[in-house]
C-alpha atoms as a PDB file:
ATOM      1  CA  MET A   1      83.229  93.094 111.636  1.00  0.00           C
ATOM      2  CA  HIS A   2      85.244  94.218 114.200  1.00  0.00           C
ATOM      3  CA  PRO A   3      88.404  96.309 112.419  1.00  0.00           C
ATOM      4  CA  VAL A   4      91.238  94.197 114.477  1.00  0.00           C
ATOM      5  CA  ILE A   5      90.167  90.953 113.550  1.00  0.00           C
ATOM      6  CA  VAL A   6      90.126  91.631 110.325  1.00  0.00           C
ATOM      7  CA  TYR A   7      93.301  92.803 110.522  1.00  0.00           C
ATOM      8  CA  THR A   8      94.584  89.683 112.766  1.00  0.00           C
ATOM      9  CA  ALA A   9      92.925  87.029 110.206  1.00  0.00           C
ATOM     10  CA  SER A  10      94.623  89.246 107.403  1.00  0.00           C
ATOM     11  CA  ARG A  11      98.521  89.013 108.271  1.00  0.00           C
ATOM     12  CA  ALA A  12      97.889  85.027 109.536  1.00  0.00           C
ATOM     13  CA  GLY A  13      96.132  84.773 106.010  1.00  0.00           C
ATOM     14  CA  LEU A  14      99.228  86.488 104.856  1.00  0.00           C
ATOM     15  CA  LEU A  15     101.975  84.720 106.725  1.00  0.00           C
ATOM     16  CA  ILE A  16     100.356  81.328 105.457  1.00  0.00           C
ATOM     17  CA  VAL A  17     100.519  82.806 101.771  1.00  0.00           C
ATOM     18  CA  SER A  18     104.345  83.196 102.020  1.00  0.00           C
ATOM     19  CA  LEU A  19     104.437  80.137 104.157  1.00  0.00           C
ATOM     20  CA  GLY A  20     103.393  78.205 100.834  1.00  0.00           C
ATOM     21  CA  VAL A  21     105.059  80.305  97.861  1.00  0.00           C
ATOM     22  CA  LEU A  22     108.403  80.221  99.809  1.00  0.00           C
ATOM     23  CA  TYR A  23     107.379  76.538 100.137  1.00  0.00           C
ATOM     24  CA  ILE A  24     107.193  75.827  96.335  1.00  0.00           C
ATOM     25  CA  LEU A  25     110.323  78.115  95.592  1.00  0.00           C
ATOM     26  CA  GLY A  26     112.440  75.538  97.298  1.00  0.00           C
ATOM     27  CA  LEU A  27     112.580  76.490 101.147  1.00  0.00           C
ATOM     28  CA  ARG A  28     112.555  73.332 103.162  1.00  0.00           C
ATOM     29  CA  GLN A  29     114.216  74.035 106.079  1.00  0.00           C
ATOM     30  CA  PRO A  30     111.418  74.147 108.958  1.00  0.00           C
ATOM     31  CA  LEU A  31     113.392  77.287 110.727  1.00  0.00           C
ATOM     32  CA  VAL A  32     115.034  78.803 107.695  1.00  0.00           C
ATOM     33  CA  LEU A  33     111.368  78.632 105.945  1.00  0.00           C
ATOM     34  CA  LEU A  34     109.832  80.173 109.132  1.00  0.00           C
ATOM     35  CA  ILE A  35     111.790  82.799 109.578  1.00  0.00           C
ATOM     36  CA  ALA A  36     111.403  83.739 105.670  1.00  0.00           C
ATOM     37  CA  ALA A  37     107.648  83.521 105.881  1.00  0.00           C
ATOM     38  CA  PHE A  38     107.714  86.289 108.877  1.00  0.00           C
ATOM     39  CA  LEU A  39     109.710  88.769 106.878  1.00  0.00           C
ATOM     40  CA  VAL A  40     108.086  88.325 103.647  1.00  0.00           C
ATOM     41  CA  SER A  41     104.547  88.856 105.093  1.00  0.00           C
ATOM     42  CA  GLY A  42     105.571  91.450 107.396  1.00  0.00           C
ATOM     43  CA  VAL A  43     106.551  93.374 104.166  1.00  0.00           C
ATOM     44  CA  ALA A  44     103.370  92.276 102.747  1.00  0.00           C
ATOM     45  CA  SER A  45     101.728  93.476 104.790  1.00  0.00           C
ATOM     46  CA  TYR A  46     103.057  96.481 105.394  1.00  0.00           C
ATOM     47  CA  VAL A  47     101.961  97.425 101.833  1.00  0.00           C
ATOM     48  CA  LEU A  48      98.815  95.427 101.469  1.00  0.00           C
ATOM     49  CA  LEU A  49      97.051  96.062 104.915  1.00  0.00           C
ATOM     50  CA  SER A  50      97.611  99.758 105.037  1.00  0.00           C
ATOM     51  CA  LYS A  51      93.718 100.316 105.393  1.00  0.00           C
ATOM     52  CA  GLN A  52      93.268  97.946 107.918  1.00  0.00           C
ATOM     53  CA  ARG A  53      95.830  98.960 109.858  1.00  0.00           C
ATOM     54  CA  ASP A  54      94.280 102.604 109.720  1.00  0.00           C
ATOM     55  CA  ALA A  55      91.059 100.891 110.592  1.00  0.00           C
ATOM     56  CA  VAL A  56      92.572  99.809 113.603  1.00  0.00           C
ATOM     57  CA  SER A  57      94.142 102.523 115.021  1.00  0.00           C
ATOM     58  CA  GLU A  58      91.219 104.737 113.974  1.00  0.00           C
ATOM     59  CA  ARG A  59      89.079 101.878 116.632  1.00  0.00           C
ATOM     60  CA  ILE A  60      91.619 102.290 119.527  1.00  0.00           C
ATOM     61  CA  ALA A  61      91.419 105.990 119.180  1.00  0.00           C
ATOM     62  CA  LYS A  62      87.972 106.428 119.713  1.00  0.00           C
ATOM     63  CA  ASN A  63      87.755 103.678 122.298  1.00  0.00           C
ATOM     64  CA  ARG A  64      90.347 105.947 123.954  1.00  0.00           C
ATOM     65  CA  GLU A  65      88.460 108.858 124.003  1.00  0.00           C
END
């Protein structure tokens, strides 16, 4: 599967999981919930998706040559 699709789907999945977990933990205001979920999923994706991010950058560099 194309690395960009895998990375994007993984990021979206992390956002959805973050939304769910933060909602269960008690964040009920929609705007605060969304902002917090973006922050949490951003940090999580930085840590958890390094392999996918490297594959995307490798694919982009390969296509530029």
